[in-house]
Every structure is written in C-alpha cells, then in structure tokens.
PDB file of N, CA and C in Angstrom:
ATOM      1  N   MET A   1     -26.511  14.073 -79.677  1.00  0.00           N
ATOM      2  CA  MET A   1     -27.526  13.092 -79.367  1.00  0.00           C
ATOM      3  C   MET A   1     -27.710  12.067 -80.499  1.00  0.00           C
ATOM      4  N   MET A   2     -27.804  12.568 -81.728  1.00  0.00           N
ATOM      5  CA  MET A   2     -27.994  11.673 -82.850  1.00  0.00           C
ATOM      6  C   MET A   2     -27.040  12.124 -84.010  1.00  0.00           C
ATOM      7  N   PRO A   3     -25.743  11.814 -83.778  1.00  0.00           N
ATOM      8  CA  PRO A   3     -24.773  12.375 -84.722  1.00  0.00           C
ATOM      9  C   PRO A   3     -24.910  11.896 -86.208  1.00  0.00           C
ATOM     10  N   ILE A   4     -25.284  10.691 -86.412  1.00  0.00           N
ATOM     11  CA  ILE A   4     -25.422  10.188 -87.791  1.00  0.00           C
ATOM     12  C   ILE A   4     -26.597  10.906 -88.457  1.00  0.00           C
ATOM     13  N   TYR A   5     -27.745  11.004 -87.748  1.00  0.00           N
ATOM     14  CA  TYR A   5     -28.975  11.694 -88.310  1.00  0.00           C
ATOM     15  C   TYR A   5     -28.552  13.121 -88.626  1.00  0.00           C
ATOM     16  N   CYS A   6     -27.821  13.756 -87.697  1.00  0.00           N
ATOM     17  CA  CYS A   6     -27.469  15.215 -87.942  1.00  0.00           C
ATOM     18  C   CYS A   6     -26.487  15.295 -89.088  1.00  0.00           C
ATOM     19  N   ALA A   7     -25.593  14.428 -89.197  1.00  0.00           N
ATOM     20  CA  ALA A   7     -24.638  14.410 -90.288  1.00  0.00           C
ATOM     21  C   ALA A   7     -25.291  14.239 -91.612  1.00  0.00           C
ATOM     22  N   THR A   8     -26.321  13.374 -91.728  1.00  0.00           N
ATOM     23  CA  THR A   8     -27.002  13.257 -93.016  1.00  0.00           C
ATOM     24  C   THR A   8     -27.750  14.450 -93.389  1.00  0.00           C
ATOM     25  N   LYS A   9     -28.396  15.151 -92.353  1.00  0.00           N
ATOM     26  CA  LYS A   9     -29.073  16.395 -92.627  1.00  0.00           C
ATOM     27  C   LYS A   9     -28.100  17.447 -93.143  1.00  0.00           C
ATOM     28  N   ALA A  10     -26.930  17.533 -92.544  1.00  0.00           N
ATOM     29  CA  ALA A  10     -25.914  18.471 -92.993  1.00  0.00           C
ATOM     30  C   ALA A  10     -25.448  18.121 -94.379  1.00  0.00           C
ATOM     31  N   ALA A  11     -25.301  16.855 -94.697  1.00  0.00           N
ATOM     32  CA  ALA A  11     -24.855  16.444 -96.061  1.00  0.00           C
ATOM     33  C   ALA A  11     -25.839  16.788 -97.076  1.00  0.00           C
ATOM     34  N   MET A  12     -27.144  16.581 -96.779  1.00  0.00           N
ATOM     35  CA  MET A  12     -28.178  16.975 -97.679  1.00  0.00           C
ATOM     36  C   MET A  12     -28.257  18.499 -97.911  1.00  0.00           C
ATOM     37  N   HIS A  13     -28.024  19.254 -96.894  1.00  0.00           N
ATOM     38  CA  HIS A  13     -27.901  20.764 -97.094  1.00  0.00           C
ATOM     39  C   HIS A  13     -26.782  21.145 -97.971  1.00  0.00           C
ATOM     40  N   SER A  14     -25.594  20.616 -97.715  1.00  0.00           N
ATOM     41  CA  SER A  14     -24.419  20.895 -98.488  1.00  0.00           C
ATOM     42  C   SER A  14     -24.611  20.418 -99.941  1.00  0.00           C
ATOM     43  N   PHE A  15     -25.210  19.290-100.149  1.00  0.00           N
ATOM     44  CA  PHE A  15     -25.485  18.746-101.470  1.00  0.00           C
ATOM     45  C   PHE A  15     -26.379  19.655-102.229  1.00  0.00           C
ATOM     46  N   SER A  16     -27.462  20.094-101.518  1.00  0.00           N
ATOM     47  CA  SER A  16     -28.452  20.948-102.192  1.00  0.00           C
ATOM     48  C   SER A  16     -27.850  22.269-102.614  1.00  0.00           C
ATOM     49  N   ILE A  17     -27.010  22.821-101.809  1.00  0.00           N
ATOM     50  CA  ILE A  17     -26.338  24.097-102.146  1.00  0.00           C
ATOM     51  C   ILE A  17     -25.410  23.919-103.376  1.00  0.00           C
ATOM     52  N   SER A  18     -24.540  22.836-103.317  1.00  0.00           N
ATOM     53  CA  SER A  18     -23.664  22.548-104.433  1.00  0.00           C
ATOM     54  C   SER A  18     -24.432  22.238-105.693  1.00  0.00           C
ATOM     55  N   LEU A  19     -25.489  21.529-105.662  1.00  0.00           N
ATOM     56  CA  LEU A  19     -26.196  21.098-106.838  1.00  0.00           C
ATOM     57  C   LEU A  19     -26.952  22.418-107.372  1.00  0.00           C
ATOM     58  N   ARG A  20     -27.498  23.227-106.513  1.00  0.00           N
ATOM     59  CA  ARG A  20     -28.127  24.481-106.965  1.00  0.00           C
ATOM     60  C   ARG A  20     -27.148  25.378-107.661  1.00  0.00           C
ATOM     61  N   HIS A  21     -25.880  25.457-107.099  1.00  0.00           N
ATOM     62  CA  HIS A  21     -24.838  26.286-107.711  1.00  0.00           C
ATOM     63  C   HIS A  21     -24.550  25.719-109.107  1.00  0.00           C
ATOM     64  N   GLN A  22     -24.343  24.421-109.235  1.00  0.00           N
ATOM     65  CA  GLN A  22     -23.867  23.744-110.403  1.00  0.00           C
ATOM     66  C   GLN A  22     -24.935  23.930-111.515  1.00  0.00           C
ATOM     67  N   LEU A  23     -26.212  23.884-111.113  1.00  0.00           N
ATOM     68  CA  LEU A  23     -27.266  23.945-112.134  1.00  0.00           C
ATOM     69  C   LEU A  23     -27.866  25.343-112.292  1.00  0.00           C
ATOM     70  N   LYS A  24     -27.233  26.476-111.768  1.00  0.00           N
ATOM     71  CA  LYS A  24     -27.784  27.755-111.781  1.00  0.00           C
ATOM     72  C   LYS A  24     -28.049  28.300-113.206  1.00  0.00           C
ATOM     73  N   ASN A  25     -27.320  27.880-114.226  1.00  0.00           N
ATOM     74  CA  ASN A  25     -27.493  28.362-115.536  1.00  0.00           C
ATOM     75  C   ASN A  25     -28.348  27.438-116.427  1.00  0.00           C
ATOM     76  N   THR A  26     -29.071  26.550-115.645  1.00  0.00           N
ATOM     77  CA  THR A  26     -30.017  25.664-116.427  1.00  0.00           C
ATOM     78  C   THR A  26     -31.392  25.915-115.931  1.00  0.00           C
ATOM     79  N   PRO A  27     -32.398  25.304-116.619  1.00  0.00           N
ATOM     80  CA  PRO A  27     -33.779  25.513-116.057  1.00  0.00           C
ATOM     81  C   PRO A  27     -34.165  24.670-114.877  1.00  0.00           C
ATOM     82  N   VAL A  28     -33.152  23.849-114.429  1.00  0.00           N
ATOM     83  CA  VAL A  28     -33.482  23.029-113.270  1.00  0.00           C
ATOM     84  C   VAL A  28     -33.397  23.804-111.975  1.00  0.00           C
ATOM     85  N   LYS A  29     -34.388  23.658-111.137  1.00  0.00           N
ATOM     86  CA  LYS A  29     -34.411  24.317-109.777  1.00  0.00           C
ATOM     87  C   LYS A  29     -34.188  23.271-108.722  1.00  0.00           C
ATOM     88  N   VAL A  30     -33.384  23.585-107.696  1.00  0.00           N
ATOM     89  CA  VAL A  30     -33.006  22.610-106.665  1.00  0.00           C
ATOM     90  C   VAL A  30     -33.639  23.277-105.426  1.00  0.00           C
ATOM     91  N   PHE A  31     -34.612  22.565-104.773  1.00  0.00           N
ATOM     92  CA  PHE A  31     -35.228  23.006-103.586  1.00  0.00           C
ATOM     93  C   PHE A  31     -34.856  22.114-102.432  1.00  0.00           C
ATOM     94  N   GLU A  32     -34.723  22.744-101.222  1.00  0.00           N
ATOM     95  CA  GLU A  32     -34.423  22.005-100.014  1.00  0.00           C
ATOM     96  C   GLU A  32     -35.552  22.302 -99.007  1.00  0.00           C
ATOM     97  N   VAL A  33     -36.289  21.354 -98.615  1.00  0.00           N
ATOM     98  CA  VAL A  33     -37.310  21.486 -97.600  1.00  0.00           C
ATOM     99  C   VAL A  33     -36.785  20.919 -96.241  1.00  0.00           C
ATOM    100  N   ILE A  34     -36.875  21.672 -95.194  1.00  0.00           N
ATOM    101  CA  ILE A  34     -36.392  21.249 -93.916  1.00  0.00           C
ATOM    102  C   ILE A  34     -37.569  21.138 -92.924  1.00  0.00           C
ATOM    103  N   PRO A  35     -38.106  19.921 -92.752  1.00  0.00           N
ATOM    104  CA  PRO A  35     -39.287  19.827 -91.914  1.00  0.00           C
ATOM    105  C   PRO A  35     -38.807  19.558 -90.423  1.00  0.00           C
ATOM    106  N   PRO A  36     -39.699  19.921 -89.515  1.00  0.00           N
ATOM    107  CA  PRO A  36     -39.428  19.578 -88.133  1.00  0.00           C
ATOM    108  C   PRO A  36     -39.798  18.100 -87.912  1.00  0.00           C
ATOM    109  N   THR A  37     -39.954  17.600 -86.733  1.00  0.00           N
ATOM    110  CA  THR A  37     -40.381  16.214 -86.503  1.00  0.00           C
ATOM    111  C   THR A  37     -41.806  16.060 -87.108  1.00  0.00           C
ATOM    112  N   VAL A  38     -41.951  15.039 -87.920  1.00  0.00           N
ATOM    113  CA  VAL A  38     -43.168  14.770 -88.612  1.00  0.00           C
ATOM    114  C   VAL A  38     -43.818  13.464 -88.112  1.00  0.00           C
ATOM    115  N   ASP A  39     -45.113  13.428 -87.864  1.00  0.00           N
ATOM    116  CA  ASP A  39     -45.764  12.246 -87.362  1.00  0.00           C
ATOM    117  C   ASP A  39     -45.898  11.175 -88.424  1.00  0.00           C
ATOM    118  N   THR A  40     -44.847  10.333 -88.528  1.00  0.00           N
ATOM    119  CA  THR A  40     -44.835   9.218 -89.463  1.00  0.00           C
ATOM    120  C   THR A  40     -44.442   7.942 -88.702  1.00  0.00           C
ATOM    121  N   GLU A  41     -44.331   6.850 -89.380  1.00  0.00           N
ATOM    122  CA  GLU A  41     -44.028   5.552 -88.817  1.00  0.00           C
ATOM    123  C   GLU A  41     -42.516   5.507 -88.620  1.00  0.00           C
ATOM    124  N   LEU A  42     -41.742   6.365 -89.132  1.00  0.00           N
ATOM    125  CA  LEU A  42     -40.268   6.271 -89.181  1.00  0.00           C
ATOM    126  C   LEU A  42     -39.653   6.030 -87.720  1.00  0.00           C
ATOM    127  N   ASP A  43     -40.156   6.800 -86.768  1.00  0.00           N
ATOM    128  CA  ASP A  43     -39.579   6.704 -85.439  1.00  0.00           C
ATOM    129  C   ASP A  43     -40.558   6.062 -84.439  1.00  0.00           C
ATOM    130  N   LYS A  44     -41.624   5.527 -84.911  1.00  0.00           N
ATOM    131  CA  LYS A  44     -42.657   5.075 -83.959  1.00  0.00           C
ATOM    132  C   LYS A  44     -42.146   4.068 -82.882  1.00  0.00           C
ATOM    133  N   GLY A  45     -41.324   3.115 -83.284  1.00  0.00           N
ATOM    134  CA  GLY A  45     -40.855   2.069 -82.331  1.00  0.00           C
ATOM    135  C   GLY A  45     -39.958   2.620 -81.254  1.00  0.00           C
ATOM    136  N   THR A  46     -39.077   3.573 -81.578  1.00  0.00           N
ATOM    137  CA  THR A  46     -38.164   4.106 -80.553  1.00  0.00           C
ATOM    138  C   THR A  46     -38.807   5.236 -79.722  1.00  0.00           C
ATOM    139  N   ARG A  47     -39.874   5.861 -80.206  1.00  0.00           N
ATOM    140  CA  ARG A  47     -40.491   6.886 -79.413  1.00  0.00           C
ATOM    141  C   ARG A  47     -40.902   6.448 -78.073  1.00  0.00           C
ATOM    142  N   ALA A  48     -41.585   5.287 -78.086  1.00  0.00           N
ATOM    143  CA  ALA A  48     -42.087   4.737 -76.814  1.00  0.00           C
ATOM    144  C   ALA A  48     -40.869   4.402 -75.891  1.00  0.00           C
ATOM    145  N   GLN A  49     -39.820   3.830 -76.403  1.00  0.00           N
ATOM    146  CA  GLN A  49     -38.668   3.453 -75.553  1.00  0.00           C
ATOM    147  C   GLN A  49     -38.027   4.695 -74.969  1.00  0.00           C
ATOM    148  N   ARG A  50     -38.122   5.829 -75.640  1.00  0.00           N
ATOM    149  CA  ARG A  50     -37.550   7.086 -75.138  1.00  0.00           C
ATOM    150  C   ARG A  50     -38.551   7.908 -74.344  1.00  0.00           C
ATOM    151  N   ASN A  51     -39.771   7.349 -74.179  1.00  0.00           N
ATOM    152  CA  ASN A  51     -40.787   8.132 -73.544  1.00  0.00           C
ATOM    153  C   ASN A  51     -41.058   9.473 -74.124  1.00  0.00           C
ATOM    154  N   VAL A  52     -41.086   9.556 -75.450  1.00  0.00           N
ATOM    155  CA  VAL A  52     -41.378  10.750 -76.246  1.00  0.00           C
ATOM    156  C   VAL A  52     -42.842  10.799 -76.567  1.00  0.00           C
ATOM    157  N   THR A  53     -43.515  11.816 -76.121  1.00  0.00           N
ATOM    158  CA  THR A  53     -44.964  11.962 -76.404  1.00  0.00           C
ATOM    159  C   THR A  53     -45.263  12.806 -77.673  1.00  0.00           C
ATOM    160  N   CYS A  54     -44.345  13.689 -77.940  1.00  0.00           N
ATOM    161  CA  CYS A  54     -44.591  14.512 -79.134  1.00  0.00           C
ATOM    162  C   CYS A  54     -44.439  13.716 -80.429  1.00  0.00           C
ATOM    163  N   ARG A  55     -45.436  13.683 -81.271  1.00  0.00           N
ATOM    164  CA  ARG A  55     -45.408  12.896 -82.430  1.00  0.00           C
ATOM    165  C   ARG A  55     -44.979  13.711 -83.652  1.00  0.00           C
ATOM    166  N   GLY A  56     -44.921  14.983 -83.559  1.00  0.00           N
ATOM    167  CA  GLY A  56     -44.643  15.873 -84.639  1.00  0.00           C
ATOM    168  C   GLY A  56     -45.805  16.452 -85.358  1.00  0.00           C
ATOM    169  N   ILE A  57     -45.540  17.160 -86.438  1.00  0.00           N
ATOM    170  CA  ILE A  57     -46.652  17.722 -87.205  1.00  0.00           C
ATOM    171  C   ILE A  57     -47.129  16.769 -88.197  1.00  0.00           C
ATOM    172  N   PRO A  58     -48.373  16.992 -88.606  1.00  0.00           N
ATOM    173  CA  PRO A  58     -48.980  16.037 -89.690  1.00  0.00           C
ATOM    174  C   PRO A  58     -48.239  16.122 -90.980  1.00  0.00           C
ATOM    175  N   PRO A  59     -48.057  15.044 -91.681  1.00  0.00           N
ATOM    176  CA  PRO A  59     -47.445  15.067 -92.994  1.00  0.00           C
ATOM    177  C   PRO A  59     -48.149  16.035 -93.939  1.00  0.00           C
ATOM    178  N   SER A  60     -49.463  16.203 -93.853  1.00  0.00           N
ATOM    179  CA  SER A  60     -50.160  17.125 -94.718  1.00  0.00           C
ATOM    180  C   SER A  60     -49.682  18.564 -94.544  1.00  0.00           C
ATOM    181  N   GLU A  61     -49.329  18.918 -93.295  1.00  0.00           N
ATOM    182  CA  GLU A  61     -48.811  20.229 -93.064  1.00  0.00           C
ATOM    183  C   GLU A  61     -47.472  20.471 -93.754  1.00  0.00           C
ATOM    184  N   VAL A  62     -46.607  19.447 -93.778  1.00  0.00           N
ATOM    185  CA  VAL A  62     -45.326  19.544 -94.529  1.00  0.00           C
ATOM    186  C   VAL A  62     -45.594  19.651 -95.997  1.00  0.00           C
ATOM    187  N   ALA A  63     -46.573  18.794 -96.468  1.00  0.00           N
ATOM    188  CA  ALA A  63     -46.869  18.862 -97.972  1.00  0.00           C
ATOM    189  C   ALA A  63     -47.381  20.208 -98.425  1.00  0.00           C
ATOM    190  N   THR A  64     -48.228  20.890 -97.579  1.00  0.00           N
ATOM    191  CA  THR A  64     -48.836  22.111 -97.948  1.00  0.00           C
ATOM    192  C   THR A  64     -47.763  23.174 -97.919  1.00  0.00           C
ATOM    193  N   ALA A  65     -46.881  23.171 -96.894  1.00  0.00           N
ATOM    194  CA  ALA A  65     -45.803  24.138 -96.825  1.00  0.00           C
ATOM    195  C   ALA A  65     -44.827  23.936 -97.958  1.00  0.00           C
ATOM    196  N   THR A  66     -44.593  22.688 -98.399  1.00  0.00           N
ATOM    197  CA  THR A  66     -43.640  22.429 -99.462  1.00  0.00           C
ATOM    198  C   THR A  66     -44.207  22.956-100.759  1.00  0.00           C
ATOM    199  N   MET A  67     -45.474  22.713-101.026  1.00  0.00           N
ATOM    200  CA  MET A  67     -46.121  23.214-102.265  1.00  0.00           C
ATOM    201  C   MET A  67     -46.045  24.687-102.323  1.00  0.00           C
ATOM    202  N   LYS A  68     -46.250  25.399-101.172  1.00  0.00           N
ATOM    203  CA  LYS A  68     -46.211  26.868-101.221  1.00  0.00           C
ATOM    204  C   LYS A  68     -44.773  27.305-101.433  1.00  0.00           C
ATOM    205  N   ALA A  69     -43.753  26.680-100.784  1.00  0.00           N
ATOM    206  CA  ALA A  69     -42.363  27.059-101.124  1.00  0.00           C
ATOM    207  C   ALA A  69     -42.065  26.806-102.508  1.00  0.00           C
ATOM    208  N   LEU A  70     -42.477  25.766-103.150  1.00  0.00           N
ATOM    209  CA  LEU A  70     -42.187  25.592-104.555  1.00  0.00           C
ATOM    210  C   LEU A  70     -42.877  26.583-105.412  1.00  0.00           C
ATOM    211  N   SER A  71     -44.102  26.959-105.122  1.00  0.00           N
ATOM    212  CA  SER A  71     -44.768  28.035-105.956  1.00  0.00           C
ATOM    213  C   SER A  71     -44.102  29.361-105.777  1.00  0.00           C
ATOM    214  N   ASP A  72     -43.544  29.648-104.567  1.00  0.00           N
ATOM    215  CA  ASP A  72     -42.906  30.909-104.367  1.00  0.00           C
ATOM    216  C   ASP A  72     -41.442  30.942-104.647  1.00  0.00           C
ATOM    217  N   ASN A  73     -40.903  29.858-105.218  1.00  0.00           N
ATOM    218  CA  ASN A  73     -39.468  29.663-105.607  1.00  0.00           C
ATOM    219  C   ASN A  73     -38.645  29.997-104.346  1.00  0.00           C
ATOM    220  N   GLN A  74     -38.989  29.467-103.214  1.00  0.00           N
ATOM    221  CA  GLN A  74     -38.136  29.496-102.034  1.00  0.00           C
ATOM    222  C   GLN A  74     -37.273  28.253-102.061  1.00  0.00           C
ATOM    223  N   TYR A  75     -36.045  28.486-102.451  1.00  0.00           N
ATOM    224  CA  TYR A  75     -35.156  27.267-102.688  1.00  0.00           C
ATOM    225  C   TYR A  75     -34.688  26.589-101.329  1.00  0.00           C
ATOM    226  N   GLU A  76     -34.716  27.224-100.239  1.00  0.00           N
ATOM    227  CA  GLU A  76     -34.427  26.660 -98.986  1.00  0.00           C
ATOM    228  C   GLU A  76     -35.563  27.094 -98.067  1.00  0.00           C
ATOM    229  N   TYR A  77     -36.373  26.040 -97.614  1.00  0.00           N
ATOM    230  CA  TYR A  77     -37.546  26.369 -96.832  1.00  0.00           C
ATOM    231  C   TYR A  77     -37.579  25.428 -95.589  1.00  0.00           C
ATOM    232  N   ALA A  78     -37.594  26.077 -94.450  1.00  0.00           N
ATOM    233  CA  ALA A  78     -37.726  25.368 -93.246  1.00  0.00           C
ATOM    234  C   ALA A  78     -39.241  25.476 -92.726  1.00  0.00           C
ATOM    235  N   VAL A  79     -39.835  24.321 -92.430  1.00  0.00           N
ATOM    236  CA  VAL A  79     -41.203  24.263 -92.098  1.00  0.00           C
ATOM    237  C   VAL A  79     -41.411  24.450 -90.615  1.00  0.00           C
ATOM    238  N   GLY A  80     -42.303  25.361 -90.175  1.00  0.00           N
ATOM    239  CA  GLY A  80     -42.697  25.444 -88.769  1.00  0.00           C
ATOM    240  C   GLY A  80     -41.537  25.623 -87.768  1.00  0.00           C
ATOM    241  N   GLN A  81     -41.492  24.760 -86.819  1.00  0.00           N
ATOM    242  CA  GLN A  81     -40.441  24.908 -85.755  1.00  0.00           C
ATOM    243  C   GLN A  81     -39.059  24.731 -86.265  1.00  0.00           C
ATOM    244  N   ALA A  82     -38.919  24.077 -87.435  1.00  0.00           N
ATOM    245  CA  ALA A  82     -37.597  23.904 -87.979  1.00  0.00           C
ATOM    246  C   ALA A  82     -36.869  25.194 -88.341  1.00  0.00           C
ATOM    247  N   GLN A  83     -37.713  26.206 -88.614  1.00  0.00           N
ATOM    248  CA  GLN A  83     -37.209  27.526 -88.981  1.00  0.00           C
ATOM    249  C   GLN A  83     -36.365  28.062 -87.838  1.00  0.00           C
ATOM    250  N   SER A  84     -36.897  28.012 -86.578  1.00  0.00           N
ATOM    251  CA  SER A  84     -36.097  28.624 -85.474  1.00  0.00           C
ATOM    252  C   SER A  84     -34.880  27.737 -85.149  1.00  0.00           C
ATOM    253  N   LEU A  85     -34.973  26.479 -85.393  1.00  0.00           N
ATOM    254  CA  LEU A  85     -33.760  25.645 -85.204  1.00  0.00           C
ATOM    255  C   LEU A  85     -32.672  25.930 -86.299  1.00  0.00           C
ATOM    256  N   VAL A  86     -33.104  26.038 -87.512  1.00  0.00           N
ATOM    257  CA  VAL A  86     -32.116  26.436 -88.611  1.00  0.00           C
ATOM    258  C   VAL A  86     -31.461  27.804 -88.199  1.00  0.00           C
ATOM    259  N   GLU A  87     -32.229  28.787 -87.904  1.00  0.00           N
ATOM    260  CA  GLU A  87     -31.706  30.084 -87.518  1.00  0.00           C
ATOM    261  C   GLU A  87     -30.792  30.020 -86.361  1.00  0.00           C
ATOM    262  N   ALA A  88     -31.116  29.269 -85.318  1.00  0.00           N
ATOM    263  CA  ALA A  88     -30.318  29.142 -84.098  1.00  0.00           C
ATOM    264  C   ALA A  88     -29.009  28.443 -84.458  1.00  0.00           C
ATOM    265  N   SER A  89     -29.170  27.421 -85.256  1.00  0.00           N
ATOM    266  CA  SER A  89     -27.896  26.657 -85.510  1.00  0.00           C
ATOM    267  C   SER A  89     -26.897  27.450 -86.395  1.00  0.00           C
ATOM    268  N   ARG A  90     -27.421  28.441 -87.152  1.00  0.00           N
ATOM    269  CA  ARG A  90     -26.513  29.248 -87.999  1.00  0.00           C
ATOM    270  C   ARG A  90     -26.031  30.482 -87.242  1.00  0.00           C
ATOM    271  N   ASN A  91     -26.805  30.966 -86.289  1.00  0.00           N
ATOM    272  CA  ASN A  91     -26.439  32.188 -85.562  1.00  0.00           C
ATOM    273  C   ASN A  91     -25.784  32.002 -84.244  1.00  0.00           C
ATOM    274  N   ASN A  92     -26.063  30.907 -83.628  1.00  0.00           N
ATOM    275  CA  ASN A  92     -25.456  30.575 -82.233  1.00  0.00           C
ATOM    276  C   ASN A  92     -25.288  29.089 -82.197  1.00  0.00           C
ATOM    277  N   PHE A  93     -24.369  28.523 -82.953  1.00  0.00           N
ATOM    278  CA  PHE A  93     -24.256  27.101 -83.051  1.00  0.00           C
ATOM    279  C   PHE A  93     -23.987  26.438 -81.621  1.00  0.00           C
ATOM    280  N   ASP A  94     -23.078  26.968 -80.902  1.00  0.00           N
ATOM    281  CA  ASP A  94     -22.699  26.337 -79.594  1.00  0.00           C
ATOM    282  C   ASP A  94     -23.887  26.273 -78.600  1.00  0.00           C
ATOM    283  N   GLU A  95     -24.670  27.329 -78.558  1.00  0.00           N
ATOM    284  CA  GLU A  95     -25.848  27.338 -77.667  1.00  0.00           C
ATOM    285  C   GLU A  95     -26.840  26.290 -78.093  1.00  0.00           C
ATOM    286  N   GLN A  96     -27.156  26.311 -79.421  1.00  0.00           N
ATOM    287  CA  GLN A  96     -28.105  25.335 -79.968  1.00  0.00           C
ATOM    288  C   GLN A  96     -27.581  23.877 -79.783  1.00  0.00           C
ATOM    289  N   PHE A  97     -26.368  23.631 -80.005  1.00  0.00           N
ATOM    290  CA  PHE A  97     -25.810  22.269 -79.854  1.00  0.00           C
ATOM    291  C   PHE A  97     -25.911  21.791 -78.462  1.00  0.00           C
ATOM    292  N   ASN A  98     -25.631  22.661 -77.500  1.00  0.00           N
ATOM    293  CA  ASN A  98     -25.807  22.359 -76.047  1.00  0.00           C
ATOM    294  C   ASN A  98     -27.256  22.117 -75.752  1.00  0.00           C
ATOM    295  N   ARG A  99     -28.162  22.902 -76.168  1.00  0.00           N
ATOM    296  CA  ARG A  99     -29.537  22.697 -75.873  1.00  0.00           C
ATOM    297  C   ARG A  99     -30.076  21.381 -76.423  1.00  0.00           C
ATOM    298  N   MET A 100     -29.644  20.958 -77.614  1.00  0.00           N
ATOM    299  CA  MET A 100     -30.104  19.696 -78.207  1.00  0.00           C
ATOM    300  C   MET A 100     -29.494  18.512 -77.550  1.00  0.00           C
ATOM    301  N   ASN A 101     -28.294  18.701 -76.858  1.00  0.00           N
ATOM    302  CA  ASN A 101     -27.661  17.534 -76.356  1.00  0.00           C
ATOM    303  C   ASN A 101     -27.526  17.430 -74.787  1.00  0.00           C
ATOM    304  N   HIS A 102     -28.346  18.196 -74.129  1.00  0.00           N
ATOM    305  CA  HIS A 102     -28.382  18.119 -72.692  1.00  0.00           C
ATOM    306  C   HIS A 102     -29.810  17.960 -72.214  1.00  0.00           C
TER     307      HIS A 102
END
C-alpha cells in the first residue's frame, strides 16, 4: 500500500541495528522507537481524501513511552499497537503483508 514509507521504516531499522553494532564498545547507545500512527499534522491532508477517521495516538503517549524505554535501556521499543505489528511482521510476514495490503 505504501512501499516507500515501508522501505524507509525498514531502512531505519537496519541502520539502527548496524549503528548499534558498530558502537557497541563505546558509551554511545542507539535506540529505535517504533510508534504506531500518531495524531500529527503529517498525514492530515490525505486522511480526509482516504476517508480515514483514526487519527492515531497522542504525541504525548509516544513521548512518555520513549522516555520509559530510554530509562529502561530498551534499545528497540515498539509503542502500543506497533508492538503487535512488529511481532506479526517478523513471525508471519506473508499474512501481515496481505492484511496490510487488502
């Protein structure tokens, strides 16, 4: 449905893993936060065109979850609904891909 968006998410994930590995013997920590749809202005114009009523979770919820992940040293953290999407994409890619694109 959104191949460029999905590709950039995958690239950020791969980059985070690579950077974390490269910096593992330094004091630098590399965190990856994976939010679900967030209620921001980013997609506001096209939401109406697509008749999408779900506006996503509040940015404050993502910020709170991010701060907790940082304090807990969770280097890869999926917020809310994104957790089930991440797990599904890694455990049953074909099913999740079909669900997202039909």
